[in-house]
Amino acid sequence: MMGINREELKRLIDQIPEQDALQVYDFIGYFNMKREKDNTPSLDISSLSKDPDLIRQVLHSREDCEQGRVYGREAGLEYLQA
């Protein structure tokens, strides 16, 4: 990978017409998001499926749904406020 002269890069950015600045900003944001995604470790589904606490939480959540113990957005906010 060749070295980048950051000062030259900044100079080039300063020369970009105002109407193109938003596209450059979005492009830089895209690269930052892509780098973060590439650096995020993937989930180990196999180990998650063996986690007794997670399994218990999922089963409890299913039971809550089946028994109607689930709050909608408004009811949940009212519950939290009380």
PDB file of N, CA and C in Angstrom:
ATOM      1  N   MET A   1       0.835  -1.172   0.000  1.00  0.00           N
ATOM      2  CA  MET A   1       0.000   0.000   0.000  1.00  0.00           C
ATOM      3  C   MET A   1       0.883   1.240   0.000  1.00  0.00           C
ATOM      4  N   MET A   2       0.581   2.151  -0.885  1.00  0.00           N
ATOM      5  CA  MET A   2       1.416   3.346  -0.966  1.00  0.00           C
ATOM      6  C   MET A   2       1.043   4.335   0.119  1.00  0.00           C
ATOM      7  N   GLY A   3       2.013   5.109   0.551  1.00  0.00           N
ATOM      8  CA  GLY A   3       1.772   6.105   1.590  1.00  0.00           C
ATOM      9  C   GLY A   3       0.942   7.260   1.044  1.00  0.00           C
ATOM     10  N   ILE A   4       0.188   7.852   1.923  1.00  0.00           N
ATOM     11  CA  ILE A   4      -0.671   8.968   1.547  1.00  0.00           C
ATOM     12  C   ILE A   4      -0.154  10.210   2.253  1.00  0.00           C
ATOM     13  N   ASN A   5      -0.010  11.251   1.499  1.00  0.00           N
ATOM     14  CA  ASN A   5       0.339  12.538   2.079  1.00  0.00           C
ATOM     15  C   ASN A   5      -0.967  13.181   2.544  1.00  0.00           C
ATOM     16  N   ARG A   6      -1.188  13.141   3.855  1.00  0.00           N
ATOM     17  CA  ARG A   6      -2.455  13.626   4.407  1.00  0.00           C
ATOM     18  C   ARG A   6      -2.649  15.118   4.144  1.00  0.00           C
ATOM     19  N   GLU A   7      -1.576  15.862   4.136  1.00  0.00           N
ATOM     20  CA  GLU A   7      -1.701  17.296   3.858  1.00  0.00           C
ATOM     21  C   GLU A   7      -2.181  17.525   2.422  1.00  0.00           C
ATOM     22  N   GLU A   8      -1.682  16.721   1.498  1.00  0.00           N
ATOM     23  CA  GLU A   8      -2.136  16.818   0.102  1.00  0.00           C
ATOM     24  C   GLU A   8      -3.603  16.427   0.001  1.00  0.00           C
ATOM     25  N   LEU A   9      -3.990  15.404   0.728  1.00  0.00           N
ATOM     26  CA  LEU A   9      -5.385  14.971   0.745  1.00  0.00           C
ATOM     27  C   LEU A   9      -6.289  16.089   1.282  1.00  0.00           C
ATOM     28  N   LYS A  10      -5.866  16.715   2.361  1.00  0.00           N
ATOM     29  CA  LYS A  10      -6.636  17.836   2.925  1.00  0.00           C
ATOM     30  C   LYS A  10      -6.733  18.978   1.914  1.00  0.00           C
ATOM     31  N   ARG A  11      -5.637  19.244   1.213  1.00  0.00           N
ATOM     32  CA  ARG A  11      -5.639  20.314   0.204  1.00  0.00           C
ATOM     33  C   ARG A  11      -6.636  19.998  -0.900  1.00  0.00           C
ATOM     34  N   LEU A  12      -6.653  18.734  -1.344  1.00  0.00           N
ATOM     35  CA  LEU A  12      -7.599  18.329  -2.388  1.00  0.00           C
ATOM     36  C   LEU A  12      -9.042  18.469  -1.913  1.00  0.00           C
ATOM     37  N   ILE A  13      -9.282  18.101  -0.669  1.00  0.00           N
ATOM     38  CA  ILE A  13     -10.630  18.227  -0.113  1.00  0.00           C
ATOM     39  C   ILE A  13     -11.041  19.696  -0.065  1.00  0.00           C
ATOM     40  N   ASP A  14     -10.108  20.558   0.320  1.00  0.00           N
ATOM     41  CA  ASP A  14     -10.413  21.994   0.381  1.00  0.00           C
ATOM     42  C   ASP A  14     -10.759  22.565  -0.992  1.00  0.00           C
ATOM     43  N   GLN A  15     -10.283  21.935  -2.053  1.00  0.00           N
ATOM     44  CA  GLN A  15     -10.546  22.426  -3.414  1.00  0.00           C
ATOM     45  C   GLN A  15     -11.844  21.897  -4.015  1.00  0.00           C
ATOM     46  N   ILE A  16     -12.501  20.971  -3.329  1.00  0.00           N
ATOM     47  CA  ILE A  16     -13.745  20.394  -3.848  1.00  0.00           C
ATOM     48  C   ILE A  16     -14.836  21.466  -3.835  1.00  0.00           C
ATOM     49  N   PRO A  17     -15.560  21.601  -4.940  1.00  0.00           N
ATOM     50  CA  PRO A  17     -16.659  22.576  -4.973  1.00  0.00           C
ATOM     51  C   PRO A  17     -17.693  22.249  -3.890  1.00  0.00           C
ATOM     52  N   GLU A  18     -18.313  23.295  -3.347  1.00  0.00           N
ATOM     53  CA  GLU A  18     -19.272  23.142  -2.247  1.00  0.00           C
ATOM     54  C   GLU A  18     -20.375  22.147  -2.586  1.00  0.00           C
ATOM     55  N   GLN A  19     -20.861  22.158  -3.823  1.00  0.00           N
ATOM     56  CA  GLN A  19     -21.960  21.262  -4.202  1.00  0.00           C
ATOM     57  C   GLN A  19     -21.530  19.792  -4.204  1.00  0.00           C
ATOM     58  N   ASP A  20     -20.235  19.506  -4.249  1.00  0.00           N
ATOM     59  CA  ASP A  20     -19.749  18.126  -4.216  1.00  0.00           C
ATOM     60  C   ASP A  20     -19.310  17.688  -2.822  1.00  0.00           C
ATOM     61  N   ALA A  21     -19.251  18.610  -1.888  1.00  0.00           N
ATOM     62  CA  ALA A  21     -18.730  18.308  -0.552  1.00  0.00           C
ATOM     63  C   ALA A  21     -19.581  17.257   0.156  1.00  0.00           C
ATOM     64  N   LEU A  22     -20.895  17.303  -0.002  1.00  0.00           N
ATOM     65  CA  LEU A  22     -21.757  16.333   0.661  1.00  0.00           C
ATOM     66  C   LEU A  22     -21.482  14.922   0.155  1.00  0.00           C
ATOM     67  N   GLN A  23     -21.244  14.783  -1.153  1.00  0.00           N
ATOM     68  CA  GLN A  23     -20.934  13.460  -1.702  1.00  0.00           C
ATOM     69  C   GLN A  23     -19.621  12.931  -1.150  1.00  0.00           C
ATOM     70  N   VAL A  24     -18.633  13.795  -1.014  1.00  0.00           N
ATOM     71  CA  VAL A  24     -17.342  13.386  -0.454  1.00  0.00           C
ATOM     72  C   VAL A  24     -17.523  12.986   1.006  1.00  0.00           C
ATOM     73  N   TYR A  25     -18.324  13.759   1.729  1.00  0.00           N
ATOM     74  CA  TYR A  25     -18.606  13.454   3.136  1.00  0.00           C
ATOM     75  C   TYR A  25     -19.270  12.084   3.261  1.00  0.00           C
ATOM     76  N   ASP A  26     -20.272  11.817   2.411  1.00  0.00           N
ATOM     77  CA  ASP A  26     -20.951  10.518   2.423  1.00  0.00           C
ATOM     78  C   ASP A  26     -19.990   9.389   2.069  1.00  0.00           C
ATOM     79  N   PHE A  27     -19.102   9.644   1.114  1.00  0.00           N
ATOM     80  CA  PHE A  27     -18.137   8.641   0.679  1.00  0.00           C
ATOM     81  C   PHE A  27     -17.189   8.277   1.817  1.00  0.00           C
ATOM     82  N   ILE A  28     -16.720   9.274   2.548  1.00  0.00           N
ATOM     83  CA  ILE A  28     -15.840   9.031   3.691  1.00  0.00           C
ATOM     84  C   ILE A  28     -16.608   8.268   4.770  1.00  0.00           C
ATOM     85  N   GLY A  29     -17.868   8.653   4.985  1.00  0.00           N
ATOM     86  CA  GLY A  29     -18.708   7.940   5.953  1.00  0.00           C
ATOM     87  C   GLY A  29     -18.876   6.484   5.572  1.00  0.00           C
ATOM     88  N   TYR A  30     -19.039   6.222   4.268  1.00  0.00           N
ATOM     89  CA  TYR A  30     -19.159   4.846   3.784  1.00  0.00           C
ATOM     90  C   TYR A  30     -17.913   4.038   4.143  1.00  0.00           C
ATOM     91  N   PHE A  31     -16.747   4.599   3.917  1.00  0.00           N
ATOM     92  CA  PHE A  31     -15.506   3.882   4.229  1.00  0.00           C
ATOM     93  C   PHE A  31     -15.378   3.625   5.728  1.00  0.00           C
ATOM     94  N   ASN A  32     -15.748   4.611   6.545  1.00  0.00           N
ATOM     95  CA  ASN A  32     -15.691   4.416   7.997  1.00  0.00           C
ATOM     96  C   ASN A  32     -16.638   3.311   8.436  1.00  0.00           C
ATOM     97  N   MET A  33     -17.856   3.292   7.890  1.00  0.00           N
ATOM     98  CA  MET A  33     -18.838   2.270   8.240  1.00  0.00           C
ATOM     99  C   MET A  33     -18.355   0.897   7.783  1.00  0.00           C
ATOM    100  N   LYS A  34     -17.787   0.823   6.581  1.00  0.00           N
ATOM    101  CA  LYS A  34     -17.279  -0.450   6.052  1.00  0.00           C
ATOM    102  C   LYS A  34     -16.144  -0.978   6.917  1.00  0.00           C
ATOM    103  N   ARG A  35     -15.262  -0.093   7.351  1.00  0.00           N
ATOM    104  CA  ARG A  35     -14.135  -0.507   8.200  1.00  0.00           C
ATOM    105  C   ARG A  35     -14.645  -1.029   9.538  1.00  0.00           C
ATOM    106  N   GLU A  36     -15.634  -0.343  10.127  1.00  0.00           N
ATOM    107  CA  GLU A  36     -16.201  -0.800  11.392  1.00  0.00           C
ATOM    108  C   GLU A  36     -16.853  -2.167  11.229  1.00  0.00           C
ATOM    109  N   LYS A  37     -17.573  -2.357  10.120  1.00  0.00           N
ATOM    110  CA  LYS A  37     -18.233  -3.639   9.866  1.00  0.00           C
ATOM    111  C   LYS A  37     -17.198  -4.749   9.706  1.00  0.00           C
ATOM    112  N   ASP A  38     -16.127  -4.459   8.984  1.00  0.00           N
ATOM    113  CA  ASP A  38     -15.083  -5.461   8.766  1.00  0.00           C
ATOM    114  C   ASP A  38     -14.361  -5.819  10.065  1.00  0.00           C
ATOM    115  N   ASN A  39     -14.315  -4.888  11.021  1.00  0.00           N
ATOM    116  CA  ASN A  39     -13.616  -5.120  12.277  1.00  0.00           C
ATOM    117  C   ASN A  39     -14.521  -5.696  13.364  1.00  0.00           C
ATOM    118  N   THR A  40     -15.817  -5.813  13.077  1.00  0.00           N
ATOM    119  CA  THR A  40     -16.757  -6.355  14.057  1.00  0.00           C
ATOM    120  C   THR A  40     -16.696  -7.874  14.001  1.00  0.00           C
ATOM    121  N   PRO A  41     -16.401  -8.499  15.143  1.00  0.00           N
ATOM    122  CA  PRO A  41     -16.346  -9.965  15.124  1.00  0.00           C
ATOM    123  C   PRO A  41     -17.737 -10.552  14.886  1.00  0.00           C
ATOM    124  N   SER A  42     -17.786 -11.649  14.168  1.00  0.00           N
ATOM    125  CA  SER A  42     -19.067 -12.286  13.896  1.00  0.00           C
ATOM    126  C   SER A  42     -19.503 -13.096  15.113  1.00  0.00           C
ATOM    127  N   LEU A  43     -20.805 -13.273  15.244  1.00  0.00           N
ATOM    128  CA  LEU A  43     -21.342 -14.038  16.366  1.00  0.00           C
ATOM    129  C   LEU A  43     -21.066 -15.521  16.185  1.00  0.00           C
ATOM    130  N   ASP A  44     -20.754 -16.170  17.273  1.00  0.00           N
ATOM    131  CA  ASP A  44     -20.565 -17.615  17.264  1.00  0.00           C
ATOM    132  C   ASP A  44     -21.899 -18.252  17.634  1.00  0.00           C
ATOM    133  N   ILE A  45     -22.707 -18.543  16.615  1.00  0.00           N
ATOM    134  CA  ILE A  45     -24.053 -19.069  16.824  1.00  0.00           C
ATOM    135  C   ILE A  45     -24.006 -20.388  17.587  1.00  0.00           C
ATOM    136  N   SER A  46     -23.020 -21.197  17.325  1.00  0.00           N
ATOM    137  CA  SER A  46     -22.910 -22.494  17.995  1.00  0.00           C
ATOM    138  C   SER A  46     -22.794 -22.325  19.510  1.00  0.00           C
ATOM    139  N   SER A  47     -21.941 -21.408  19.947  1.00  0.00           N
ATOM    140  CA  SER A  47     -21.787 -21.221  21.389  1.00  0.00           C
ATOM    141  C   SER A  47     -23.006 -20.534  21.986  1.00  0.00           C
ATOM    142  N   LEU A  48     -23.645 -19.646  21.230  1.00  0.00           N
ATOM    143  CA  LEU A  48     -24.859 -19.004  21.730  1.00  0.00           C
ATOM    144  C   LEU A  48     -25.973 -20.022  21.951  1.00  0.00           C
ATOM    145  N   SER A  49     -26.058 -21.003  21.064  1.00  0.00           N
ATOM    146  CA  SER A  49     -27.125 -22.002  21.176  1.00  0.00           C
ATOM    147  C   SER A  49     -26.918 -22.917  22.379  1.00  0.00           C
ATOM    148  N   LYS A  50     -25.734 -22.865  22.986  1.00  0.00           N
ATOM    149  CA  LYS A  50     -25.444 -23.701  24.159  1.00  0.00           C
ATOM    150  C   LYS A  50     -25.414 -22.889  25.455  1.00  0.00           C
ATOM    151  N   ASP A  51     -25.662 -21.594  25.356  1.00  0.00           N
ATOM    152  CA  ASP A  51     -25.618 -20.709  26.523  1.00  0.00           C
ATOM    153  C   ASP A  51     -26.903 -20.860  27.334  1.00  0.00           C
ATOM    154  N   PRO A  52     -26.818 -21.454  28.531  1.00  0.00           N
ATOM    155  CA  PRO A  52     -28.045 -21.725  29.303  1.00  0.00           C
ATOM    156  C   PRO A  52     -28.804 -20.455  29.696  1.00  0.00           C
ATOM    157  N   ASP A  53     -28.102 -19.369  29.980  1.00  0.00           N
ATOM    158  CA  ASP A  53     -28.787 -18.123  30.335  1.00  0.00           C
ATOM    159  C   ASP A  53     -29.563 -17.558  29.151  1.00  0.00           C
ATOM    160  N   LEU A  54     -28.950 -17.596  27.983  1.00  0.00           N
ATOM    161  CA  LEU A  54     -29.626 -17.099  26.784  1.00  0.00           C
ATOM    162  C   LEU A  54     -30.835 -17.958  26.456  1.00  0.00           C
ATOM    163  N   ILE A  55     -30.692 -19.267  26.553  1.00  0.00           N
ATOM    164  CA  ILE A  55     -31.808 -20.185  26.279  1.00  0.00           C
ATOM    165  C   ILE A  55     -32.948 -19.917  27.263  1.00  0.00           C
ATOM    166  N   ARG A  56     -32.618 -19.723  28.545  1.00  0.00           N
ATOM    167  CA  ARG A  56     -33.634 -19.425  29.556  1.00  0.00           C
ATOM    168  C   ARG A  56     -34.362 -18.132  29.220  1.00  0.00           C
ATOM    169  N   GLN A  57     -33.627 -17.103  28.803  1.00  0.00           N
ATOM    170  CA  GLN A  57     -34.234 -15.815  28.456  1.00  0.00           C
ATOM    171  C   GLN A  57     -35.163 -15.950  27.260  1.00  0.00           C
ATOM    172  N   VAL A  58     -34.752 -16.701  26.259  1.00  0.00           N
ATOM    173  CA  VAL A  58     -35.586 -16.906  25.071  1.00  0.00           C
ATOM    174  C   VAL A  58     -36.862 -17.659  25.440  1.00  0.00           C
ATOM    175  N   LEU A  59     -36.726 -18.711  26.241  1.00  0.00           N
ATOM    176  CA  LEU A  59     -37.901 -19.472  26.658  1.00  0.00           C
ATOM    177  C   LEU A  59     -38.853 -18.610  27.490  1.00  0.00           C
ATOM    178  N   HIS A  60     -38.306 -17.797  28.362  1.00  0.00           N
ATOM    179  CA  HIS A  60     -39.124 -16.901  29.178  1.00  0.00           C
ATOM    180  C   HIS A  60     -39.841 -15.876  28.289  1.00  0.00           C
ATOM    181  N   SER A  61     -39.140 -15.359  27.308  1.00  0.00           N
ATOM    182  CA  SER A  61     -39.732 -14.394  26.378  1.00  0.00           C
ATOM    183  C   SER A  61     -40.867 -15.033  25.584  1.00  0.00           C
ATOM    184  N   ARG A  62     -40.662 -16.270  25.135  1.00  0.00           N
ATOM    185  CA  ARG A  62     -41.718 -16.986  24.402  1.00  0.00           C
ATOM    186  C   ARG A  62     -42.944 -17.184  25.285  1.00  0.00           C
ATOM    187  N   GLU A  63     -42.700 -17.570  26.537  1.00  0.00           N
ATOM    188  CA  GLU A  63     -43.804 -17.774  27.477  1.00  0.00           C
ATOM    189  C   GLU A  63     -44.562 -16.460  27.704  1.00  0.00           C
ATOM    190  N   ASP A  64     -43.822 -15.358  27.848  1.00  0.00           N
ATOM    191  CA  ASP A  64     -44.464 -14.054  28.023  1.00  0.00           C
ATOM    192  C   ASP A  64     -45.361 -13.726  26.829  1.00  0.00           C
ATOM    193  N   CYS A  65     -44.878 -13.993  25.634  1.00  0.00           N
ATOM    194  CA  CYS A  65     -45.668 -13.728  24.428  1.00  0.00           C
ATOM    195  C   CYS A  65     -46.929 -14.587  24.403  1.00  0.00           C
ATOM    196  N   GLU A  66     -46.774 -15.856  24.720  1.00  0.00           N
ATOM    197  CA  GLU A  66     -47.920 -16.773  24.704  1.00  0.00           C
ATOM    198  C   GLU A  66     -48.959 -16.400  25.757  1.00  0.00           C
ATOM    199  N   GLN A  67     -48.531 -15.861  26.880  1.00  0.00           N
ATOM    200  CA  GLN A  67     -49.436 -15.507  27.971  1.00  0.00           C
ATOM    201  C   GLN A  67     -49.929 -14.056  27.883  1.00  0.00           C
ATOM    202  N   GLY A  68     -49.525 -13.351  26.812  1.00  0.00           N
ATOM    203  CA  GLY A  68     -49.976 -11.974  26.634  1.00  0.00           C
ATOM    204  C   GLY A  68     -49.294 -10.981  27.555  1.00  0.00           C
ATOM    205  N   ARG A  69     -48.143 -11.352  28.082  1.00  0.00           N
ATOM    206  CA  ARG A  69     -47.401 -10.454  28.975  1.00  0.00           C
ATOM    207  C   ARG A  69     -46.374  -9.651  28.190  1.00  0.00           C
ATOM    208  N   VAL A  70     -46.855  -9.010  27.138  1.00  0.00           N
ATOM    209  CA  VAL A  70     -45.980  -8.215  26.278  1.00  0.00           C
ATOM    210  C   VAL A  70     -46.581  -6.829  26.162  1.00  0.00           C
ATOM    211  N   TYR A  71     -45.772  -5.831  26.369  1.00  0.00           N
ATOM    212  CA  TYR A  71     -46.226  -4.453  26.284  1.00  0.00           C
ATOM    213  C   TYR A  71     -46.007  -3.889  24.889  1.00  0.00           C
ATOM    214  N   GLY A  72     -46.999  -3.143  24.405  1.00  0.00           N
ATOM    215  CA  GLY A  72     -46.800  -2.352  23.204  1.00  0.00           C
ATOM    216  C   GLY A  72     -45.999  -1.118  23.587  1.00  0.00           C
ATOM    217  N   ARG A  73     -45.670  -0.312  22.635  1.00  0.00           N
ATOM    218  CA  ARG A  73     -44.824   0.865  22.896  1.00  0.00           C
ATOM    219  C   ARG A  73     -45.450   1.785  23.945  1.00  0.00           C
ATOM    220  N   GLU A  74     -46.715   2.173  23.730  1.00  0.00           N
ATOM    221  CA  GLU A  74     -47.379   3.094  24.647  1.00  0.00           C
ATOM    222  C   GLU A  74     -47.545   2.484  26.036  1.00  0.00           C
ATOM    223  N   ALA A  75     -47.999   1.229  26.085  1.00  0.00           N
ATOM    224  CA  ALA A  75     -48.185   0.574  27.381  1.00  0.00           C
ATOM    225  C   ALA A  75     -46.856   0.402  28.099  1.00  0.00           C
ATOM    226  N   GLY A  76     -45.814   0.118  27.359  1.00  0.00           N
ATOM    227  CA  GLY A  76     -44.491  -0.018  27.954  1.00  0.00           C
ATOM    228  C   GLY A  76     -44.012   1.286  28.555  1.00  0.00           C
ATOM    229  N   LEU A  77     -44.243   2.398  27.847  1.00  0.00           N
ATOM    230  CA  LEU A  77     -43.846   3.708  28.371  1.00  0.00           C
ATOM    231  C   LEU A  77     -44.644   4.042  29.637  1.00  0.00           C
ATOM    232  N   GLU A  78     -45.946   3.739  29.613  1.00  0.00           N
ATOM    233  CA  GLU A  78     -46.783   3.992  30.787  1.00  0.00           C
ATOM    234  C   GLU A  78     -46.287   3.154  31.973  1.00  0.00           C
ATOM    235  N   TYR A  79     -45.934   1.894  31.716  1.00  0.00           N
ATOM    236  CA  TYR A  79     -45.426   1.016  32.778  1.00  0.00           C
ATOM    237  C   TYR A  79     -44.138   1.584  33.372  1.00  0.00           C
ATOM    238  N   LEU A  80     -43.240   2.022  32.501  1.00  0.00           N
ATOM    239  CA  LEU A  80     -41.960   2.558  32.978  1.00  0.00           C
ATOM    240  C   LEU A  80     -42.145   3.857  33.746  1.00  0.00           C
ATOM    241  N   GLN A  81     -43.099   4.673  33.305  1.00  0.00           N
ATOM    242  CA  GLN A  81     -43.348   5.933  33.992  1.00  0.00           C
ATOM    243  C   GLN A  81     -43.959   5.706  35.373  1.00  0.00           C
ATOM    244  N   ALA A  82     -44.772   4.653  35.501  1.00  0.00           N
ATOM    245  CA  ALA A  82     -45.389   4.342  36.799  1.00  0.00           C
ATOM    246  C   ALA A  82     -44.326   3.787  37.713  1.00  0.00           C
TER     247      ALA A  82
END
